[in-house]
N, C-alpha and C. Protein backbone atom coordinates (compact mmCIF):
# COMPACT_ATOMS: atom_id res chain seq x y z
N MET A 1 -43.66 15.25 -24.41
CA MET A 1 -44.79 15.05 -25.38
C MET A 1 -46.19 14.63 -24.84
N ASN A 2 -47.16 15.28 -25.20
CA ASN A 2 -48.52 14.93 -24.81
C ASN A 2 -48.84 13.28 -25.15
N ARG A 3 -49.38 12.67 -24.03
CA ARG A 3 -49.57 11.15 -24.21
C ARG A 3 -50.43 11.00 -25.26
N LEU A 4 -51.41 11.81 -25.69
CA LEU A 4 -52.32 11.51 -26.82
C LEU A 4 -51.62 11.71 -27.98
N VAL A 5 -50.79 12.82 -28.17
CA VAL A 5 -49.93 12.90 -29.41
C VAL A 5 -48.93 12.00 -29.50
N ALA A 6 -48.39 11.21 -28.57
CA ALA A 6 -47.42 10.05 -28.88
C ALA A 6 -48.55 8.71 -29.19
N TYR A 7 -49.50 8.53 -28.52
CA TYR A 7 -50.39 7.70 -28.93
C TYR A 7 -50.80 7.63 -30.50
N TYR A 8 -51.11 8.86 -30.85
CA TYR A 8 -51.56 9.07 -32.21
C TYR A 8 -50.32 8.80 -33.17
N LYS A 9 -49.02 9.42 -32.95
CA LYS A 9 -48.01 8.94 -33.80
C LYS A 9 -47.63 7.60 -33.72
N GLY A 10 -47.68 6.93 -32.75
CA GLY A 10 -47.46 5.48 -32.75
C GLY A 10 -48.48 4.74 -33.49
N LEU A 11 -49.74 4.98 -33.39
CA LEU A 11 -50.92 4.30 -33.82
C LEU A 11 -50.77 4.59 -35.59
N THR A 12 -50.34 5.83 -35.77
CA THR A 12 -50.28 6.23 -37.19
C THR A 12 -48.99 5.55 -37.95
N THR A 13 -48.09 5.19 -37.29
CA THR A 13 -47.04 4.52 -37.75
C THR A 13 -47.32 3.08 -37.78
N TRP A 14 -47.82 2.53 -37.01
CA TRP A 14 -48.58 0.96 -36.94
C TRP A 14 -49.51 0.78 -38.45
N ALA A 15 -50.49 1.98 -38.28
CA ALA A 15 -51.31 1.89 -39.48
C ALA A 15 -50.56 1.80 -41.07
N ARG A 16 -49.50 2.72 -40.85
CA ARG A 16 -48.84 2.87 -42.10
C ARG A 16 -48.12 1.43 -42.54
N TRP A 17 -47.57 0.88 -41.44
CA TRP A 17 -47.00 -0.43 -41.78
C TRP A 17 -47.73 -1.45 -42.28
N VAL A 18 -49.01 -1.47 -41.55
CA VAL A 18 -50.09 -2.20 -41.81
C VAL A 18 -50.41 -2.19 -43.32
N ASP A 19 -50.75 -0.87 -43.91
CA ASP A 19 -51.02 -0.65 -45.18
C ASP A 19 -50.07 -1.22 -46.19
N ARG A 20 -48.83 -0.93 -45.74
CA ARG A 20 -47.81 -1.30 -46.75
C ARG A 20 -47.25 -2.81 -46.75
N ASN A 21 -47.52 -3.33 -45.79
CA ASN A 21 -46.98 -4.86 -45.59
C ASN A 21 -47.81 -5.79 -45.53
N VAL A 22 -49.11 -5.52 -45.23
CA VAL A 22 -50.17 -6.88 -44.83
C VAL A 22 -50.98 -6.98 -46.09
N ASP A 23 -50.97 -8.37 -46.42
CA ASP A 23 -51.75 -8.80 -47.70
C ASP A 23 -53.22 -9.14 -46.98
N PRO A 24 -54.22 -8.46 -47.33
CA PRO A 24 -55.33 -8.90 -46.63
C PRO A 24 -56.09 -10.29 -47.18
N ARG A 25 -55.50 -10.68 -48.26
CA ARG A 25 -55.96 -11.93 -48.92
C ARG A 25 -55.49 -13.25 -47.88
N ARG A 26 -54.21 -12.86 -47.33
CA ARG A 26 -53.69 -13.95 -46.29
C ARG A 26 -53.76 -13.76 -45.01
N THR A 27 -54.18 -12.54 -44.58
CA THR A 27 -53.94 -11.91 -43.12
C THR A 27 -54.90 -11.27 -42.59
N LYS A 28 -55.34 -11.49 -41.56
CA LYS A 28 -56.43 -10.64 -40.64
C LYS A 28 -55.68 -9.99 -39.74
N VAL A 29 -56.10 -8.73 -39.54
CA VAL A 29 -55.40 -7.98 -38.68
C VAL A 29 -56.60 -7.30 -37.67
N PHE A 30 -56.09 -7.73 -36.11
CA PHE A 30 -57.08 -7.10 -35.24
C PHE A 30 -56.60 -6.12 -34.42
N PHE A 31 -57.36 -5.21 -33.71
CA PHE A 31 -56.71 -4.11 -33.02
C PHE A 31 -58.04 -3.83 -31.93
N GLN A 32 -57.54 -4.09 -30.68
CA GLN A 32 -58.55 -3.74 -29.54
C GLN A 32 -58.33 -2.35 -29.11
N ASP A 33 -59.33 -1.69 -29.02
CA ASP A 33 -59.09 -0.03 -28.69
C ASP A 33 -59.12 0.04 -27.12
N ILE A 34 -59.35 1.16 -26.61
CA ILE A 34 -59.19 1.52 -25.20
C ILE A 34 -59.80 0.74 -24.24
N SER A 35 -59.16 0.34 -23.10
CA SER A 35 -59.95 -0.26 -22.19
C SER A 35 -59.94 0.56 -20.93
N PRO A 36 -60.94 1.11 -20.58
CA PRO A 36 -61.14 2.30 -19.77
C PRO A 36 -60.71 1.85 -18.25
N THR A 37 -60.33 2.65 -17.35
CA THR A 37 -60.16 2.62 -15.96
C THR A 37 -61.42 3.27 -15.22
N HIS A 38 -61.57 2.97 -13.99
CA HIS A 38 -62.52 3.24 -13.16
C HIS A 38 -62.17 4.13 -11.70
N TYR A 39 -61.05 4.82 -11.87
CA TYR A 39 -60.56 5.38 -10.46
C TYR A 39 -61.24 6.56 -9.95
N ASP A 40 -62.08 7.23 -11.16
CA ASP A 40 -62.54 8.53 -10.47
C ASP A 40 -64.03 8.40 -10.68
N GLY A 41 -64.73 8.35 -9.39
CA GLY A 41 -66.26 8.17 -9.35
C GLY A 41 -66.92 9.35 -10.17
N ARG A 42 -66.42 10.49 -10.07
CA ARG A 42 -67.13 11.63 -10.88
C ARG A 42 -67.49 11.28 -12.23
N GLU A 43 -66.79 10.14 -12.95
CA GLU A 43 -67.12 9.80 -14.14
C GLU A 43 -68.47 9.12 -14.11
N TRP A 44 -69.08 8.64 -13.06
CA TRP A 44 -70.32 7.95 -13.29
C TRP A 44 -71.12 8.70 -12.12
N ASN A 45 -70.92 9.93 -11.74
CA ASN A 45 -71.70 10.64 -10.74
C ASN A 45 -71.72 10.16 -9.35
N GLN A 46 -70.53 9.51 -8.89
CA GLN A 46 -70.38 9.35 -7.57
C GLN A 46 -68.93 9.77 -7.18
N PRO A 47 -68.77 11.19 -6.92
CA PRO A 47 -67.59 11.67 -6.46
C PRO A 47 -66.96 11.02 -5.14
N SER A 48 -65.77 10.95 -5.13
CA SER A 48 -65.22 10.33 -3.97
C SER A 48 -65.14 8.69 -3.87
N GLN A 49 -65.67 8.02 -5.07
CA GLN A 49 -65.70 6.72 -5.10
C GLN A 49 -64.55 6.19 -6.18
N THR A 50 -64.15 5.01 -6.23
CA THR A 50 -63.46 4.60 -7.12
C THR A 50 -64.16 2.97 -7.46
N CYS A 51 -63.55 2.20 -7.99
CA CYS A 51 -64.25 0.77 -8.49
C CYS A 51 -64.28 -0.04 -7.10
N SER A 52 -63.47 0.30 -6.11
CA SER A 52 -63.44 -0.68 -4.98
C SER A 52 -64.77 -0.76 -4.33
N GLY A 53 -65.17 -1.76 -4.16
CA GLY A 53 -66.52 -2.05 -3.57
C GLY A 53 -67.70 -1.98 -4.49
N GLN A 54 -67.51 -1.71 -5.70
CA GLN A 54 -68.40 -1.43 -6.71
C GLN A 54 -69.16 -2.88 -6.94
N THR A 55 -70.49 -3.07 -6.91
CA THR A 55 -71.06 -4.31 -7.22
C THR A 55 -72.04 -4.34 -8.27
N GLN A 56 -72.32 -3.12 -8.70
CA GLN A 56 -73.28 -3.06 -9.89
C GLN A 56 -72.71 -2.32 -10.99
N PRO A 57 -72.92 -2.66 -12.24
CA PRO A 57 -72.43 -1.91 -13.48
C PRO A 57 -73.19 -0.42 -13.39
N PHE A 58 -72.71 0.57 -14.16
CA PHE A 58 -73.30 1.62 -14.16
C PHE A 58 -74.62 1.58 -15.31
N PHE A 59 -75.81 2.19 -14.69
CA PHE A 59 -77.18 1.74 -15.41
C PHE A 59 -77.57 2.90 -16.20
N GLY A 60 -76.86 3.87 -16.39
CA GLY A 60 -77.38 5.07 -16.97
C GLY A 60 -77.31 4.87 -18.52
N VAL A 61 -78.14 5.74 -19.40
CA VAL A 61 -78.27 5.74 -20.85
C VAL A 61 -76.90 6.19 -21.38
N ARG A 62 -76.22 7.15 -20.83
CA ARG A 62 -75.18 7.65 -21.29
C ARG A 62 -74.26 7.75 -20.31
N TYR A 63 -73.12 7.23 -20.51
CA TYR A 63 -71.95 7.29 -19.55
C TYR A 63 -71.62 8.76 -19.32
N THR A 64 -71.52 9.23 -17.89
CA THR A 64 -71.49 10.75 -17.56
C THR A 64 -70.16 11.31 -18.25
N ALA A 65 -69.00 10.71 -18.11
CA ALA A 65 -67.83 11.23 -18.41
C ALA A 65 -67.63 11.29 -20.06
N GLY A 66 -68.18 10.36 -20.78
CA GLY A 66 -68.14 10.26 -22.25
C GLY A 66 -66.66 9.31 -22.47
N MET A 67 -66.66 9.28 -23.82
CA MET A 67 -65.48 8.25 -24.19
C MET A 67 -64.16 9.00 -23.77
N PRO A 68 -63.18 7.99 -23.35
CA PRO A 68 -61.79 8.63 -23.01
C PRO A 68 -61.27 9.29 -24.46
N PRO A 69 -60.46 10.12 -23.96
CA PRO A 69 -59.92 11.05 -25.41
C PRO A 69 -59.01 10.03 -26.24
N ALA A 70 -58.40 9.07 -25.58
CA ALA A 70 -57.74 8.28 -26.42
C ALA A 70 -58.54 7.45 -27.60
N TRP A 71 -59.85 7.23 -27.18
CA TRP A 71 -60.78 6.61 -28.01
C TRP A 71 -60.83 7.42 -29.32
N ALA A 72 -61.05 8.97 -29.46
CA ALA A 72 -61.01 9.49 -30.52
C ALA A 72 -59.84 9.21 -31.40
N VAL A 73 -58.58 9.14 -30.84
CA VAL A 73 -57.49 9.15 -31.60
C VAL A 73 -57.35 7.73 -32.24
N VAL A 74 -57.82 6.65 -31.54
CA VAL A 74 -58.05 5.31 -32.27
C VAL A 74 -58.98 5.41 -33.40
N ASN A 75 -60.14 6.03 -33.32
CA ASN A 75 -61.11 6.18 -34.37
C ASN A 75 -60.42 7.18 -35.53
N LYS A 76 -59.75 8.06 -35.22
CA LYS A 76 -59.20 9.19 -36.42
C LYS A 76 -58.16 8.18 -37.16
N VAL A 77 -57.29 7.61 -36.45
CA VAL A 77 -56.28 6.66 -37.06
C VAL A 77 -57.05 5.66 -38.07
N PHE A 78 -58.04 4.91 -37.54
CA PHE A 78 -58.76 3.93 -38.18
C PHE A 78 -59.32 4.38 -39.50
N SER A 79 -59.87 5.35 -39.32
CA SER A 79 -60.68 6.06 -40.38
C SER A 79 -59.84 6.20 -41.74
N ARG A 80 -58.49 6.31 -41.44
CA ARG A 80 -57.64 6.57 -42.42
C ARG A 80 -56.87 5.29 -42.86
N ILE A 81 -57.17 4.05 -42.27
CA ILE A 81 -56.25 3.00 -42.88
C ILE A 81 -57.00 2.46 -44.25
N LYS A 82 -56.02 2.22 -45.04
CA LYS A 82 -56.57 1.92 -46.31
C LYS A 82 -56.95 0.33 -46.54
N ILE A 83 -56.26 -0.36 -45.82
CA ILE A 83 -56.26 -1.58 -46.02
C ILE A 83 -57.63 -2.30 -45.25
N ARG A 84 -58.31 -3.24 -45.93
CA ARG A 84 -59.52 -3.86 -45.27
C ARG A 84 -59.30 -5.28 -45.54
N PRO A 85 -59.71 -6.15 -44.65
CA PRO A 85 -60.28 -5.53 -43.34
C PRO A 85 -59.24 -5.78 -42.21
N VAL A 86 -59.38 -4.45 -41.73
CA VAL A 86 -58.65 -4.54 -40.28
C VAL A 86 -59.77 -4.46 -39.28
N TYR A 87 -59.87 -5.37 -38.17
CA TYR A 87 -60.93 -5.51 -37.54
C TYR A 87 -60.59 -4.65 -36.23
N LEU A 88 -61.49 -3.74 -36.27
CA LEU A 88 -61.35 -2.88 -34.70
C LEU A 88 -62.29 -3.27 -33.74
N MET A 89 -61.63 -4.14 -32.77
CA MET A 89 -62.38 -4.65 -31.61
C MET A 89 -62.96 -3.39 -30.60
N ASP A 90 -63.95 -2.90 -30.89
CA ASP A 90 -64.21 -1.61 -29.89
C ASP A 90 -64.95 -2.05 -28.71
N VAL A 91 -63.93 -2.20 -27.73
CA VAL A 91 -64.50 -2.63 -26.29
C VAL A 91 -64.76 -1.31 -25.32
N THR A 92 -64.45 -0.13 -25.86
CA THR A 92 -64.49 0.84 -24.99
C THR A 92 -65.89 1.05 -24.32
N GLY A 93 -66.90 1.35 -25.28
CA GLY A 93 -68.35 1.68 -24.78
C GLY A 93 -68.82 0.68 -23.95
N MET A 94 -68.57 -0.81 -24.19
CA MET A 94 -69.36 -1.76 -23.22
C MET A 94 -68.45 -1.75 -22.04
N SER A 95 -67.28 -1.55 -21.95
CA SER A 95 -66.32 -1.49 -20.82
C SER A 95 -66.44 -0.38 -19.95
N LEU A 96 -67.04 0.77 -20.53
CA LEU A 96 -67.11 1.99 -19.53
C LEU A 96 -68.37 1.77 -18.52
N TYR A 97 -69.44 0.90 -18.75
CA TYR A 97 -70.25 0.61 -17.91
C TYR A 97 -70.05 -0.30 -16.76
N ARG A 98 -68.90 -1.03 -16.92
CA ARG A 98 -68.61 -1.93 -16.02
C ARG A 98 -67.67 -1.64 -14.72
N LYS A 99 -67.97 -0.36 -13.96
CA LYS A 99 -67.17 -0.17 -13.04
C LYS A 99 -66.98 -1.19 -11.99
N ASP A 100 -67.94 -2.26 -12.08
CA ASP A 100 -67.79 -3.19 -10.91
C ASP A 100 -66.89 -4.42 -11.31
N ALA A 101 -66.33 -4.45 -12.55
CA ALA A 101 -65.81 -5.65 -12.98
C ALA A 101 -64.27 -5.89 -12.84
N HIS A 102 -63.61 -4.80 -11.99
CA HIS A 102 -62.36 -4.68 -11.59
C HIS A 102 -61.88 -5.59 -10.31
N PRO A 103 -60.59 -5.88 -10.23
CA PRO A 103 -60.31 -6.54 -9.00
C PRO A 103 -60.57 -5.65 -7.62
N GLY A 104 -60.28 -4.16 -7.89
CA GLY A 104 -60.53 -3.28 -7.01
C GLY A 104 -59.56 -3.74 -5.77
N SER A 105 -60.13 -3.64 -4.58
CA SER A 105 -59.18 -4.19 -3.44
C SER A 105 -59.04 -5.74 -3.26
N TYR A 106 -59.68 -6.65 -4.20
CA TYR A 106 -59.65 -7.84 -3.80
C TYR A 106 -58.49 -8.82 -4.58
N SER A 107 -57.60 -8.07 -4.76
CA SER A 107 -56.36 -8.87 -5.43
C SER A 107 -55.38 -9.60 -4.68
N GLY A 108 -55.89 -9.93 -3.35
CA GLY A 108 -55.04 -10.79 -2.53
C GLY A 108 -53.87 -10.01 -1.90
N LEU A 109 -52.81 -10.15 -1.88
CA LEU A 109 -51.74 -9.35 -1.11
C LEU A 109 -51.45 -7.97 -1.92
N HIS A 110 -52.05 -7.79 -2.93
CA HIS A 110 -51.69 -6.51 -3.58
C HIS A 110 -52.39 -5.47 -2.84
N SER A 111 -51.38 -4.25 -2.40
CA SER A 111 -51.75 -3.11 -1.80
C SER A 111 -52.42 -2.22 -2.74
N GLY A 112 -53.44 -1.40 -2.20
CA GLY A 112 -54.03 -0.45 -3.19
C GLY A 112 -55.21 -0.98 -3.87
N THR A 113 -55.65 -0.15 -4.70
CA THR A 113 -56.91 -0.54 -5.43
C THR A 113 -56.62 -0.69 -7.04
N ASP A 114 -56.94 -1.68 -7.55
CA ASP A 114 -56.77 -1.96 -8.96
C ASP A 114 -58.07 -1.72 -9.74
N CYS A 115 -58.06 -0.59 -10.42
CA CYS A 115 -59.27 -0.12 -11.22
C CYS A 115 -58.94 -0.11 -12.64
N SER A 116 -57.78 -0.70 -13.17
CA SER A 116 -57.38 -0.86 -14.51
C SER A 116 -57.40 -1.97 -15.07
N HIS A 117 -57.38 -3.20 -14.33
CA HIS A 117 -57.49 -4.55 -14.86
C HIS A 117 -58.91 -4.86 -14.63
N TRP A 118 -58.96 -6.19 -15.24
CA TRP A 118 -60.37 -6.76 -15.32
C TRP A 118 -60.48 -8.13 -14.55
N CYS A 119 -61.66 -8.39 -13.82
CA CYS A 119 -61.89 -9.94 -13.30
C CYS A 119 -62.21 -10.95 -14.29
N LEU A 120 -61.87 -12.21 -14.05
CA LEU A 120 -62.39 -13.20 -14.93
C LEU A 120 -63.18 -14.23 -13.92
N PRO A 121 -64.24 -14.69 -14.53
CA PRO A 121 -64.95 -14.40 -15.84
C PRO A 121 -65.57 -13.30 -15.63
N GLY A 122 -65.74 -12.56 -16.95
CA GLY A 122 -66.59 -11.56 -17.04
C GLY A 122 -66.37 -10.67 -18.43
N LEU A 123 -66.07 -9.46 -18.17
CA LEU A 123 -65.73 -8.70 -19.54
C LEU A 123 -64.82 -9.03 -20.49
N PRO A 124 -63.60 -9.47 -19.95
CA PRO A 124 -62.81 -10.07 -20.90
C PRO A 124 -63.46 -11.21 -21.88
N ASP A 125 -64.12 -12.11 -21.17
CA ASP A 125 -64.78 -13.19 -21.83
C ASP A 125 -65.78 -12.68 -22.99
N THR A 126 -66.34 -11.66 -22.82
CA THR A 126 -67.06 -10.87 -23.92
C THR A 126 -66.26 -10.19 -24.98
N TRP A 127 -64.84 -9.65 -24.71
CA TRP A 127 -64.05 -9.34 -25.55
C TRP A 127 -63.76 -10.64 -26.51
N ASN A 128 -63.28 -11.68 -25.82
CA ASN A 128 -62.80 -13.13 -26.42
C ASN A 128 -63.91 -13.51 -27.54
N LEU A 129 -65.17 -13.25 -27.15
CA LEU A 129 -66.37 -13.88 -27.98
C LEU A 129 -66.41 -12.92 -29.25
N LEU A 130 -66.21 -11.62 -29.01
CA LEU A 130 -66.13 -10.57 -30.03
C LEU A 130 -64.88 -10.97 -31.25
N LEU A 131 -63.70 -11.29 -30.53
CA LEU A 131 -62.67 -11.74 -31.37
C LEU A 131 -62.94 -12.80 -32.10
N TYR A 132 -63.30 -14.00 -31.50
CA TYR A 132 -63.87 -15.24 -31.96
C TYR A 132 -64.60 -14.95 -33.22
N SER A 133 -65.76 -14.37 -32.98
CA SER A 133 -66.63 -13.93 -34.21
C SER A 133 -66.15 -13.39 -35.19
N ALA A 134 -65.06 -12.59 -35.09
CA ALA A 134 -64.46 -11.67 -36.07
C ALA A 134 -63.43 -12.57 -36.64
N TYR A 135 -62.82 -13.49 -35.98
CA TYR A 135 -61.95 -14.38 -36.61
C TYR A 135 -62.50 -15.42 -37.50
N ILE A 136 -63.60 -16.02 -37.14
CA ILE A 136 -64.22 -17.08 -38.08
C ILE A 136 -65.13 -16.51 -39.11
N SER A 137 -65.60 -15.17 -38.99
CA SER A 137 -66.07 -14.66 -40.14
C SER A 137 -65.62 -14.42 -41.23
């Protein structure tokens, strides 16, 4: 099965469960969308590059590769959720620009380059601020 089809089916099942089982007067529901990776430098016009050694964010107006395909799946499912409020923490757009925020090859004894996890402090702290803001509102 195509991974995006599987992701859509999984999210749709989750959304249906939320609609049927969550009382919005008593419960807040949070969902964080796609956290991008930066393994392919073509995404920011630097072919043959990865996140390794990157020291600056992407400064373009529009991210070259656009949004990841899974982002469209999340937005399609969320547009159909009946229960409100379900808080979608949209971290994809802001995270795309931070090719410099991964551990890269600085992960200690880990071999290879890690372009899918994030360094602290930094971007995850911003995600936490968004979560906290939504939680207390």
